[in-house]
Amino acid sequence: MTNLVIAEHDNAQLKGATLNTVAAAAKIGGDVHVLVAGSGAQAVAEQAAQIAGVSKVLLADAPQLADGLAENLAEQVLAVAKDYSHILFPSTASGKNVAPRVAAKLDVAQVSDIIAVDAPDTFQRPIYAGNAIATVQSADPVKVLTVRTTGFDAVAAQGGSAAVESVAAVADSGLSSFVGREVAKSDRPELTAAKIVVSGGRGMGSAENFKILDPLADKLGAALGASRAAVDAGYAPNDWQVGQTGKIVAPQLYVAIGISGAIQHLAGMKDSKVIVAINKDAEAPIFGVADYGLVADLFQAVPELVSAL
């Protein structure tokens, strides 16, 4: 039994989600291989080779693989799929873009968003916004899985010594082309990788008021997040959204400010190690999951917290 993890990267750096996906592959058992498909991605392959528990890295390097287009990347995965019992993608925008295509071409049922491995053919995944956990058994000859990265602790990025093997790159499918990418630049940590997240909700009242969270995030070295209500109201940008329809996070510390705690938001952050909530409504559902709760006016409490820090 050999498992293939599809690396997520930007052709220069391996993304942290890959380490969580390798952890899931290790739980399945057997050898763990990593596929790095990109352009000028030798450095990424070398990083992947150092991941603890990885026994081989496959490097497919070609210009048509530079931008992770679903059609090309899926074909690259399919070109090596016959050698593997399990193919694992991180459950990120990129992974969810490619995995269904691979599963369809292999004529198997994808198992999405796994959070635990019970056996090589049996997995757990959340349903109903995490209110229930489904146990799914797959009889398919190849299991195509997407891995909810918050469900598995990342393996060590150092300590491995896998061999890097070059594989032939597939031809450009011609079905799609890369037009452009707008990348938000920030001095703060990436939301899904941050160890501390400070999030604001509808209670912030306005985009201008939302800036009250900046000093707190700066003091804590935290990423900024937001509830869907805050994003929909225009208080915060879309890429800050945490929740069922946003990003799933599980930092060491999650500070929820002015967030009522709708189930859709809780689905995206309830696996955080420590949750702190500040809300003036003592009956807010967020207090049901919070480790520490403060019933107070956030416009008074947040500046006081910043000064205390």
C-alpha atoms as a PDB file:
ATOM      1  CA  MET A   1       0.000   0.000   0.000  1.00  0.00           C
ATOM      2  CA  THR A   2       1.470   3.325  -1.100  1.00  0.00           C
ATOM      3  CA  ASN A   3      -0.101   6.758  -0.660  1.00  0.00           C
ATOM      4  CA  LEU A   4       0.436   9.791  -2.887  1.00  0.00           C
ATOM      5  CA  VAL A   5       0.162  13.302  -1.426  1.00  0.00           C
ATOM      6  CA  ILE A   6      -0.267  16.153  -3.901  1.00  0.00           C
ATOM      7  CA  ALA A   7       1.955  18.996  -2.688  1.00  0.00           C
ATOM      8  CA  GLU A   8       0.601  22.518  -2.494  1.00  0.00           C
ATOM      9  CA  HIS A   9       3.192  25.178  -3.290  1.00  0.00           C
ATOM     10  CA  ASP A  10       3.947  28.375  -5.210  1.00  0.00           C
ATOM     11  CA  ASN A  11       6.935  26.964  -7.148  1.00  0.00           C
ATOM     12  CA  ALA A  12       9.265  28.369  -4.487  1.00  0.00           C
ATOM     13  CA  GLN A  13       7.880  27.363  -1.087  1.00  0.00           C
ATOM     14  CA  LEU A  14       5.976  24.317   0.091  1.00  0.00           C
ATOM     15  CA  LYS A  15       2.683  25.294   1.762  1.00  0.00           C
ATOM     16  CA  GLY A  16       2.014  24.158   5.310  1.00  0.00           C
ATOM     17  CA  ALA A  17      -1.170  22.316   4.273  1.00  0.00           C
ATOM     18  CA  THR A  18       1.056  19.682   2.657  1.00  0.00           C
ATOM     19  CA  LEU A  19       2.474  18.735   6.077  1.00  0.00           C
ATOM     20  CA  ASN A  20      -1.010  18.096   7.483  1.00  0.00           C
ATOM     21  CA  THR A  21      -1.903  16.019   4.430  1.00  0.00           C
ATOM     22  CA  VAL A  22       1.249  13.913   4.861  1.00  0.00           C
ATOM     23  CA  ALA A  23       0.142  13.325   8.475  1.00  0.00           C
ATOM     24  CA  ALA A  24      -3.184  11.956   7.202  1.00  0.00           C
ATOM     25  CA  ALA A  25      -1.355   9.717   4.712  1.00  0.00           C
ATOM     26  CA  ALA A  26       0.855   8.393   7.514  1.00  0.00           C
ATOM     27  CA  LYS A  27      -2.262   7.454   9.520  1.00  0.00           C
ATOM     28  CA  ILE A  28      -3.432   5.298   6.611  1.00  0.00           C
ATOM     29  CA  GLY A  29      -0.200   3.315   6.729  1.00  0.00           C
ATOM     30  CA  GLY A  30       2.267   2.211   4.073  1.00  0.00           C
ATOM     31  CA  ASP A  31       4.760   4.341   2.183  1.00  0.00           C
ATOM     32  CA  VAL A  32       4.102   8.031   1.602  1.00  0.00           C
ATOM     33  CA  HIS A  33       5.145   9.650  -1.681  1.00  0.00           C
ATOM     34  CA  VAL A  34       4.721  13.334  -2.563  1.00  0.00           C
ATOM     35  CA  LEU A  35       4.041  14.700  -6.050  1.00  0.00           C
ATOM     36  CA  VAL A  36       5.423  18.167  -6.751  1.00  0.00           C
ATOM     37  CA  ALA A  37       4.003  19.451 -10.045  1.00  0.00           C
ATOM     38  CA  GLY A  38       5.129  22.912 -11.098  1.00  0.00           C
ATOM     39  CA  SER A  39       7.654  24.932 -13.044  1.00  0.00           C
ATOM     40  CA  GLY A  40      11.117  25.641 -11.696  1.00  0.00           C
ATOM     41  CA  ALA A  41      10.038  23.770  -8.580  1.00  0.00           C
ATOM     42  CA  GLN A  42      13.248  21.895  -7.747  1.00  0.00           C
ATOM     43  CA  ALA A  43      13.529  23.810  -4.450  1.00  0.00           C
ATOM     44  CA  VAL A  44      10.013  22.714  -3.497  1.00  0.00           C
ATOM     45  CA  ALA A  45      10.886  19.094  -4.250  1.00  0.00           C
ATOM     46  CA  GLU A  46      13.931  19.363  -2.011  1.00  0.00           C
ATOM     47  CA  GLN A  47      11.775  20.783   0.778  1.00  0.00           C
ATOM     48  CA  ALA A  48       9.300  17.932   0.310  1.00  0.00           C
ATOM     49  CA  ALA A  49      12.139  15.416   0.508  1.00  0.00           C
ATOM     50  CA  GLN A  50      12.937  16.648   4.024  1.00  0.00           C
ATOM     51  CA  ILE A  51       9.408  16.049   5.359  1.00  0.00           C
ATOM     52  CA  ALA A  52       9.410  13.425   8.099  1.00  0.00           C
ATOM     53  CA  GLY A  53       7.865  10.163   6.934  1.00  0.00           C
ATOM     54  CA  VAL A  54       8.107  10.777   3.178  1.00  0.00           C
ATOM     55  CA  SER A  55       9.943   8.013   1.301  1.00  0.00           C
ATOM     56  CA  LYS A  56       9.921   9.434  -2.235  1.00  0.00           C
ATOM     57  CA  VAL A  57       9.243  12.716  -4.023  1.00  0.00           C
ATOM     58  CA  LEU A  58       8.067  12.806  -7.634  1.00  0.00           C
ATOM     59  CA  LEU A  59       8.928  16.011  -9.488  1.00  0.00           C
ATOM     60  CA  ALA A  60       7.045  16.946 -12.656  1.00  0.00           C
ATOM     61  CA  ASP A  61       8.519  20.203 -13.911  1.00  0.00           C
ATOM     62  CA  ALA A  62       7.170  22.020 -16.966  1.00  0.00           C
ATOM     63  CA  PRO A  63       5.811  25.485 -17.881  1.00  0.00           C
ATOM     64  CA  GLN A  64       2.261  24.153 -18.324  1.00  0.00           C
ATOM     65  CA  LEU A  65       2.253  23.079 -14.669  1.00  0.00           C
ATOM     66  CA  ALA A  66       3.364  26.476 -13.333  1.00  0.00           C
ATOM     67  CA  ASP A  67      -0.055  27.778 -12.278  1.00  0.00           C
ATOM     68  CA  GLY A  68      -1.830  24.671 -10.995  1.00  0.00           C
ATOM     69  CA  LEU A  69      -4.502  24.632 -13.695  1.00  0.00           C
ATOM     70  CA  ALA A  70      -6.951  21.876 -12.760  1.00  0.00           C
ATOM     71  CA  GLU A  71      -6.916  20.206 -16.182  1.00  0.00           C
ATOM     72  CA  ASN A  72      -3.134  19.917 -16.397  1.00  0.00           C
ATOM     73  CA  LEU A  73      -2.523  19.038 -12.766  1.00  0.00           C
ATOM     74  CA  ALA A  74      -5.245  16.377 -12.804  1.00  0.00           C
ATOM     75  CA  GLU A  75      -3.678  14.763 -15.873  1.00  0.00           C
ATOM     76  CA  GLN A  76      -0.302  14.766 -14.134  1.00  0.00           C
ATOM     77  CA  VAL A  77      -1.801  12.986 -11.136  1.00  0.00           C
ATOM     78  CA  LEU A  78      -3.561  10.484 -13.389  1.00  0.00           C
ATOM     79  CA  ALA A  79      -0.275   9.745 -15.179  1.00  0.00           C
ATOM     80  CA  VAL A  80       1.136   8.230 -11.961  1.00  0.00           C
ATOM     81  CA  ALA A  81      -2.101   7.137 -10.243  1.00  0.00           C
ATOM     82  CA  LYS A  82      -1.800   3.451 -11.172  1.00  0.00           C
ATOM     83  CA  ASP A  83       0.975   2.986  -8.607  1.00  0.00           C
ATOM     84  CA  TYR A  84      -1.049   4.196  -5.622  1.00  0.00           C
ATOM     85  CA  SER A  85      -3.815   2.949  -3.344  1.00  0.00           C
ATOM     86  CA  HIS A  86      -4.658   6.399  -1.936  1.00  0.00           C
ATOM     87  CA  ILE A  87      -4.329   9.868  -3.479  1.00  0.00           C
ATOM     88  CA  LEU A  88      -4.588  12.715  -0.976  1.00  0.00           C
ATOM     89  CA  PHE A  89      -5.112  16.438  -1.580  1.00  0.00           C
ATOM     90  CA  PRO A  90      -5.272  19.164   1.077  1.00  0.00           C
ATOM     91  CA  SER A  91      -8.838  20.454   1.327  1.00  0.00           C
ATOM     92  CA  THR A  92      -7.853  23.917   0.098  1.00  0.00           C
ATOM     93  CA  ALA A  93      -9.071  25.912  -2.891  1.00  0.00           C
ATOM     94  CA  SER A  94      -6.437  24.216  -5.048  1.00  0.00           C
ATOM     95  CA  GLY A  95      -7.068  20.708  -3.733  1.00  0.00           C
ATOM     96  CA  LYS A  96     -10.829  21.021  -4.076  1.00  0.00           C
ATOM     97  CA  ASN A  97     -10.325  22.285  -7.619  1.00  0.00           C
ATOM     98  CA  VAL A  98      -8.336  19.252  -8.781  1.00  0.00           C
ATOM     99  CA  ALA A  99      -9.418  16.256  -6.677  1.00  0.00           C
ATOM    100  CA  PRO A 100     -12.973  15.887  -8.104  1.00  0.00           C
ATOM    101  CA  ARG A 101     -11.557  15.797 -11.631  1.00  0.00           C
ATOM    102  CA  VAL A 102      -9.089  13.069 -10.679  1.00  0.00           C
ATOM    103  CA  ALA A 103     -11.816  11.048  -8.949  1.00  0.00           C
ATOM    104  CA  ALA A 104     -14.159  11.356 -11.934  1.00  0.00           C
ATOM    105  CA  LYS A 105     -11.466  10.297 -14.411  1.00  0.00           C
ATOM    106  CA  LEU A 106     -10.636   7.283 -12.224  1.00  0.00           C
ATOM    107  CA  ASP A 107     -14.379   6.511 -11.919  1.00  0.00           C
ATOM    108  CA  VAL A 108     -14.249   6.450  -8.112  1.00  0.00           C
ATOM    109  CA  ALA A 109     -16.137   8.313  -5.394  1.00  0.00           C
ATOM    110  CA  GLN A 110     -14.135  11.066  -3.753  1.00  0.00           C
ATOM    111  CA  VAL A 111     -14.170  11.129   0.061  1.00  0.00           C
ATOM    112  CA  SER A 112     -14.111  14.805   0.992  1.00  0.00           C
ATOM    113  CA  ASP A 113     -12.809  16.707   3.999  1.00  0.00           C
ATOM    114  CA  ILE A 114     -11.618  13.766   6.084  1.00  0.00           C
ATOM    115  CA  ILE A 115     -10.735  14.568   9.708  1.00  0.00           C
ATOM    116  CA  ALA A 116      -9.724  11.088  10.921  1.00  0.00           C
ATOM    117  CA  VAL A 117      -8.601   7.715   9.590  1.00  0.00           C
ATOM    118  CA  ASP A 118     -10.250   4.660  11.168  1.00  0.00           C
ATOM    119  CA  ALA A 119      -8.793   2.146   8.706  1.00  0.00           C
ATOM    120  CA  PRO A 120      -7.207   2.251   5.241  1.00  0.00           C
ATOM    121  CA  ASP A 121     -10.715   2.164   3.716  1.00  0.00           C
ATOM    122  CA  THR A 122     -12.660   3.980   6.460  1.00  0.00           C
ATOM    123  CA  PHE A 123     -12.605   7.700   7.203  1.00  0.00           C
ATOM    124  CA  GLN A 124     -14.460  10.295   9.263  1.00  0.00           C
ATOM    125  CA  ARG A 125     -15.743  13.543   7.817  1.00  0.00           C
ATOM    126  CA  PRO A 126     -17.941  16.340   9.196  1.00  0.00           C
ATOM    127  CA  ILE A 127     -21.457  16.894   7.870  1.00  0.00           C
ATOM    128  CA  TYR A 128     -24.198  19.428   8.716  1.00  0.00           C
ATOM    129  CA  ALA A 129     -21.612  22.158   9.385  1.00  0.00           C
ATOM    130  CA  GLY A 130     -19.758  19.870  11.777  1.00  0.00           C
ATOM    131  CA  ASN A 131     -22.819  19.052  13.905  1.00  0.00           C
ATOM    132  CA  ALA A 132     -22.443  15.383  12.972  1.00  0.00           C
ATOM    133  CA  ILE A 133     -19.532  13.195  11.943  1.00  0.00           C
ATOM    134  CA  ALA A 134     -20.056  10.657   9.154  1.00  0.00           C
ATOM    135  CA  THR A 135     -17.979   7.482   9.000  1.00  0.00           C
ATOM    136  CA  VAL A 136     -17.424   6.616   5.339  1.00  0.00           C
ATOM    137  CA  GLN A 137     -16.116   3.285   4.027  1.00  0.00           C
ATOM    138  CA  SER A 138     -14.853   3.157   0.452  1.00  0.00           C
ATOM    139  CA  ALA A 139     -14.578  -0.023  -1.597  1.00  0.00           C
ATOM    140  CA  ASP A 140     -12.986   1.762  -4.554  1.00  0.00           C
ATOM    141  CA  PRO A 141      -9.626   0.384  -5.732  1.00  0.00           C
ATOM    142  CA  VAL A 142      -8.096   3.865  -5.449  1.00  0.00           C
ATOM    143  CA  LYS A 143      -9.209   6.197  -2.673  1.00  0.00           C
ATOM    144  CA  VAL A 144      -9.227   9.874  -3.665  1.00  0.00           C
ATOM    145  CA  LEU A 145      -9.336  11.956  -0.492  1.00  0.00           C
ATOM    146  CA  THR A 146      -9.337  15.612   0.431  1.00  0.00           C
ATOM    147  CA  VAL A 147      -7.951  16.270   3.901  1.00  0.00           C
ATOM    148  CA  ARG A 148      -9.286  18.910   6.276  1.00  0.00           C
ATOM    149  CA  THR A 149      -5.913  20.136   7.453  1.00  0.00           C
ATOM    150  CA  THR A 150      -7.169  21.217  10.885  1.00  0.00           C
ATOM    151  CA  GLY A 151      -7.980  17.555  11.632  1.00  0.00           C
ATOM    152  CA  PHE A 152      -4.348  16.422  11.555  1.00  0.00           C
ATOM    153  CA  ASP A 153      -1.315  17.853  13.336  1.00  0.00           C
ATOM    154  CA  ALA A 154       1.389  18.745  10.810  1.00  0.00           C
ATOM    155  CA  VAL A 155       4.352  16.382  10.568  1.00  0.00           C
ATOM    156  CA  ALA A 156       7.859  17.783  10.997  1.00  0.00           C
ATOM    157  CA  ALA A 157       9.125  19.708   7.971  1.00  0.00           C
ATOM    158  CA  GLN A 158      12.658  18.494   8.696  1.00  0.00           C
ATOM    159  CA  GLY A 159      14.150  15.111   9.429  1.00  0.00           C
ATOM    160  CA  GLY A 160      13.342  13.185   6.267  1.00  0.00           C
ATOM    161  CA  SER A 161      15.732  12.186   3.510  1.00  0.00           C
ATOM    162  CA  ALA A 162      13.562  11.052   0.612  1.00  0.00           C
ATOM    163  CA  ALA A 163      14.872  10.574  -2.905  1.00  0.00           C
ATOM    164  CA  VAL A 164      13.685  13.023  -5.572  1.00  0.00           C
ATOM    165  CA  GLU A 165      12.683  11.319  -8.816  1.00  0.00           C
ATOM    166  CA  SER A 166      11.835  13.241 -11.987  1.00  0.00           C
ATOM    167  CA  VAL A 167       8.761  12.088 -13.904  1.00  0.00           C
ATOM    168  CA  ALA A 168       7.659  13.048 -17.388  1.00  0.00           C
ATOM    169  CA  ALA A 169       5.375  16.075 -17.449  1.00  0.00           C
ATOM    170  CA  VAL A 170       2.043  15.763 -19.251  1.00  0.00           C
ATOM    171  CA  ALA A 171       1.299  17.906 -22.284  1.00  0.00           C
ATOM    172  CA  ASP A 172      -0.737  21.093 -21.976  1.00  0.00           C
ATOM    173  CA  SER A 173      -4.426  20.158 -22.247  1.00  0.00           C
ATOM    174  CA  GLY A 174      -5.252  23.432 -23.982  1.00  0.00           C
ATOM    175  CA  LEU A 175      -8.589  23.495 -22.138  1.00  0.00           C
ATOM    176  CA  SER A 176      -7.779  26.480 -19.972  1.00  0.00           C
ATOM    177  CA  SER A 177      -5.144  29.170 -19.689  1.00  0.00           C
ATOM    178  CA  PHE A 178      -3.806  31.269 -16.856  1.00  0.00           C
ATOM    179  CA  VAL A 179      -4.825  34.921 -17.165  1.00  0.00           C
ATOM    180  CA  GLY A 180      -3.709  36.549 -13.926  1.00  0.00           C
ATOM    181  CA  ARG A 181      -3.664  36.425 -10.164  1.00  0.00           C
ATOM    182  CA  GLU A 182      -4.322  39.125  -7.608  1.00  0.00           C
ATOM    183  CA  VAL A 183      -2.545  38.286  -4.379  1.00  0.00           C
ATOM    184  CA  ALA A 184      -3.377  40.204  -1.210  1.00  0.00           C
ATOM    185  CA  LYS A 185      -0.169  41.374   0.436  1.00  0.00           C
ATOM    186  CA  SER A 186       0.003  41.599   4.221  1.00  0.00           C
ATOM    187  CA  ASP A 187       2.652  41.792   6.913  1.00  0.00           C
ATOM    188  CA  ARG A 188       0.463  39.584   9.082  1.00  0.00           C
ATOM    189  CA  PRO A 189       0.539  35.750   9.027  1.00  0.00           C
ATOM    190  CA  GLU A 190      -1.595  33.882   6.503  1.00  0.00           C
ATOM    191  CA  LEU A 191      -5.014  33.245   8.046  1.00  0.00           C
ATOM    192  CA  THR A 192      -5.072  29.463   7.658  1.00  0.00           C
ATOM    193  CA  ALA A 193      -1.506  29.063   8.943  1.00  0.00           C
ATOM    194  CA  ALA A 194      -1.556  31.593  11.802  1.00  0.00           C
ATOM    195  CA  LYS A 195      -1.073  30.440  15.395  1.00  0.00           C
ATOM    196  CA  ILE A 196      -3.225  33.313  16.654  1.00  0.00           C
ATOM    197  CA  VAL A 197      -6.333  34.722  14.930  1.00  0.00           C
ATOM    198  CA  VAL A 198      -8.322  37.812  15.933  1.00  0.00           C
ATOM    199  CA  SER A 199     -11.760  37.920  14.282  1.00  0.00           C
ATOM    200  CA  GLY A 200     -14.483  40.529  14.237  1.00  0.00           C
ATOM    201  CA  GLY A 201     -18.186  40.149  13.546  1.00  0.00           C
ATOM    202  CA  ARG A 202     -21.320  42.136  12.896  1.00  0.00           C
ATOM    203  CA  GLY A 203     -20.919  43.768  16.308  1.00  0.00           C
ATOM    204  CA  MET A 204     -17.998  45.816  14.971  1.00  0.00           C
ATOM    205  CA  GLY A 205     -20.600  48.074  13.342  1.00  0.00           C
ATOM    206  CA  SER A 206     -18.572  49.428  10.413  1.00  0.00           C
ATOM    207  CA  ALA A 207     -15.395  49.024   8.379  1.00  0.00           C
ATOM    208  CA  GLU A 208     -13.927  51.994  10.230  1.00  0.00           C
ATOM    209  CA  ASN A 209     -14.671  50.405  13.601  1.00  0.00           C
ATOM    210  CA  PHE A 210     -13.088  47.165  12.416  1.00  0.00           C
ATOM    211  CA  LYS A 211      -9.720  48.926  12.537  1.00  0.00           C
ATOM    212  CA  ILE A 212      -9.939  48.806  16.346  1.00  0.00           C
ATOM    213  CA  LEU A 213      -8.731  45.203  16.000  1.00  0.00           C
ATOM    214  CA  ASP A 214      -5.468  46.212  14.280  1.00  0.00           C
ATOM    215  CA  PRO A 215      -3.520  47.141  17.450  1.00  0.00           C
ATOM    216  CA  LEU A 216      -4.631  43.917  19.153  1.00  0.00           C
ATOM    217  CA  ALA A 217      -3.587  41.798  16.170  1.00  0.00           C
ATOM    218  CA  ASP A 218      -0.265  43.645  16.010  1.00  0.00           C
ATOM    219  CA  LYS A 219       0.427  43.065  19.713  1.00  0.00           C
ATOM    220  CA  LEU A 220      -0.376  39.352  19.424  1.00  0.00           C
ATOM    221  CA  GLY A 221       1.292  38.804  16.029  1.00  0.00           C
ATOM    222  CA  ALA A 222      -2.070  37.529  14.848  1.00  0.00           C
ATOM    223  CA  ALA A 223      -3.891  37.169  11.553  1.00  0.00           C
ATOM    224  CA  LEU A 224      -7.170  39.036  11.147  1.00  0.00           C
ATOM    225  CA  GLY A 225     -10.399  37.172  10.412  1.00  0.00           C
ATOM    226  CA  ALA A 226     -14.087  37.998  10.134  1.00  0.00           C
ATOM    227  CA  SER A 227     -17.490  36.382  10.269  1.00  0.00           C
ATOM    228  CA  ARG A 228     -19.585  36.110   7.128  1.00  0.00           C
ATOM    229  CA  ALA A 229     -21.934  38.790   8.476  1.00  0.00           C
ATOM    230  CA  ALA A 230     -19.009  41.218   8.763  1.00  0.00           C
ATOM    231  CA  VAL A 231     -17.777  40.380   5.257  1.00  0.00           C
ATOM    232  CA  ASP A 232     -21.260  40.659   3.735  1.00  0.00           C
ATOM    233  CA  ALA A 233     -21.676  44.053   5.410  1.00  0.00           C
ATOM    234  CA  GLY A 234     -18.428  45.249   3.844  1.00  0.00           C
ATOM    235  CA  TYR A 235     -16.546  45.563   7.129  1.00  0.00           C
ATOM    236  CA  ALA A 236     -13.757  43.186   6.024  1.00  0.00           C
ATOM    237  CA  PRO A 237     -12.472  41.645   2.760  1.00  0.00           C
ATOM    238  CA  ASN A 238     -13.652  38.247   1.524  1.00  0.00           C
ATOM    239  CA  ASP A 239     -10.331  36.510   2.136  1.00  0.00           C
ATOM    240  CA  TRP A 240     -10.690  37.156   5.881  1.00  0.00           C
ATOM    241  CA  GLN A 241     -13.896  35.141   6.159  1.00  0.00           C
ATOM    242  CA  VAL A 242     -13.810  32.271   8.659  1.00  0.00           C
ATOM    243  CA  GLY A 243     -16.579  29.681   8.615  1.00  0.00           C
ATOM    244  CA  GLN A 244     -18.363  26.988   6.676  1.00  0.00           C
ATOM    245  CA  THR A 245     -18.318  29.081   3.490  1.00  0.00           C
ATOM    246  CA  GLY A 246     -14.970  30.705   4.289  1.00  0.00           C
ATOM    247  CA  LYS A 247     -11.701  29.408   5.674  1.00  0.00           C
ATOM    248  CA  ILE A 248     -11.331  26.646   8.234  1.00  0.00           C
ATOM    249  CA  VAL A 249      -8.827  27.575  10.940  1.00  0.00           C
ATOM    250  CA  ALA A 250      -7.533  25.867  14.088  1.00  0.00           C
ATOM    251  CA  PRO A 251      -4.988  28.225  15.668  1.00  0.00           C
ATOM    252  CA  GLN A 252      -3.536  27.952  19.164  1.00  0.00           C
ATOM    253  CA  LEU A 253      -5.603  31.025  20.117  1.00  0.00           C
ATOM    254  CA  TYR A 254      -8.786  32.351  18.490  1.00  0.00           C
ATOM    255  CA  VAL A 255     -10.175  35.682  19.713  1.00  0.00           C
ATOM    256  CA  ALA A 256     -13.789  36.276  18.611  1.00  0.00           C
ATOM    257  CA  ILE A 257     -14.878  39.897  19.035  1.00  0.00           C
ATOM    258  CA  GLY A 258     -18.441  41.011  18.375  1.00  0.00           C
ATOM    259  CA  ILE A 259     -19.248  37.593  16.881  1.00  0.00           C
ATOM    260  CA  SER A 260     -22.536  36.030  17.947  1.00  0.00           C
ATOM    261  CA  GLY A 261     -21.467  32.503  17.049  1.00  0.00           C
ATOM    262  CA  ALA A 262     -23.763  31.293  14.267  1.00  0.00           C
ATOM    263  CA  ILE A 263     -23.214  27.599  13.536  1.00  0.00           C
ATOM    264  CA  GLN A 264     -21.712  28.424  10.131  1.00  0.00           C
ATOM    265  CA  HIS A 265     -18.973  30.447  11.821  1.00  0.00           C
ATOM    266  CA  LEU A 266     -18.377  27.873  14.546  1.00  0.00           C
ATOM    267  CA  ALA A 267     -17.825  25.231  11.858  1.00  0.00           C
ATOM    268  CA  GLY A 268     -14.758  27.158  10.737  1.00  0.00           C
ATOM    269  CA  MET A 269     -13.033  27.741  14.098  1.00  0.00           C
ATOM    270  CA  LYS A 270     -14.305  25.438  16.829  1.00  0.00           C
ATOM    271  CA  ASP A 271     -11.194  23.207  16.595  1.00  0.00           C
ATOM    272  CA  SER A 272      -9.060  26.115  17.840  1.00  0.00           C
ATOM    273  CA  LYS A 273      -7.036  25.137  20.912  1.00  0.00           C
ATOM    274  CA  VAL A 274      -8.137  28.123  23.044  1.00  0.00           C
ATOM    275  CA  ILE A 275     -11.145  30.326  22.186  1.00  0.00           C
ATOM    276  CA  VAL A 276     -11.671  33.747  23.752  1.00  0.00           C
ATOM    277  CA  ALA A 277     -14.951  35.607  23.134  1.00  0.00           C
ATOM    278  CA  ILE A 278     -15.874  39.230  23.784  1.00  0.00           C
ATOM    279  CA  ASN A 279     -19.550  40.101  23.304  1.00  0.00           C
ATOM    280  CA  LYS A 280     -22.021  42.316  25.145  1.00  0.00           C
ATOM    281  CA  ASP A 281     -24.802  39.694  24.747  1.00  0.00           C
ATOM    282  CA  ALA A 282     -24.398  37.163  27.557  1.00  0.00           C
ATOM    283  CA  GLU A 283     -26.666  34.742  25.670  1.00  0.00           C
ATOM    284  CA  ALA A 284     -24.569  34.742  22.466  1.00  0.00           C
ATOM    285  CA  PRO A 285     -23.923  31.168  21.225  1.00  0.00           C
ATOM    286  CA  ILE A 286     -20.183  31.924  20.918  1.00  0.00           C
ATOM    287  CA  PHE A 287     -19.914  31.582  24.718  1.00  0.00           C
ATOM    288  CA  GLY A 288     -20.990  27.946  24.364  1.00  0.00           C
ATOM    289  CA  VAL A 289     -17.679  27.054  22.692  1.00  0.00           C
ATOM    290  CA  ALA A 290     -15.433  29.679  24.292  1.00  0.00           C
ATOM    291  CA  ASP A 291     -12.820  28.687  26.865  1.00  0.00           C
ATOM    292  CA  TYR A 292     -12.819  32.274  28.146  1.00  0.00           C
ATOM    293  CA  GLY A 293     -15.709  34.694  27.744  1.00  0.00           C
ATOM    294  CA  LEU A 294     -16.004  38.380  28.534  1.00  0.00           C
ATOM    295  CA  VAL A 295     -19.438  40.024  28.543  1.00  0.00           C
ATOM    296  CA  ALA A 296     -18.520  43.611  27.766  1.00  0.00           C
ATOM    297  CA  ASP A 297     -18.719  46.444  25.253  1.00  0.00           C
ATOM    298  CA  LEU A 298     -15.980  45.564  22.741  1.00  0.00           C
ATOM    299  CA  PHE A 299     -15.229  49.259  22.108  1.00  0.00           C
ATOM    300  CA  GLN A 300     -14.182  49.565  25.727  1.00  0.00           C
ATOM    301  CA  ALA A 301     -12.766  46.081  26.281  1.00  0.00           C
ATOM    302  CA  VAL A 302     -10.488  45.853  23.226  1.00  0.00           C
ATOM    303  CA  PRO A 303      -8.512  49.073  23.908  1.00  0.00           C
ATOM    304  CA  GLU A 304      -8.170  48.026  27.559  1.00  0.00           C
ATOM    305  CA  LEU A 305      -6.887  44.619  26.471  1.00  0.00           C
ATOM    306  CA  VAL A 306      -4.367  46.229  24.113  1.00  0.00           C
ATOM    307  CA  SER A 307      -3.074  48.514  26.855  1.00  0.00           C
ATOM    308  CA  ALA A 308      -2.796  45.571  29.276  1.00  0.00           C
ATOM    309  CA  LEU A 309      -0.713  43.655  26.743  1.00  0.00           C
END
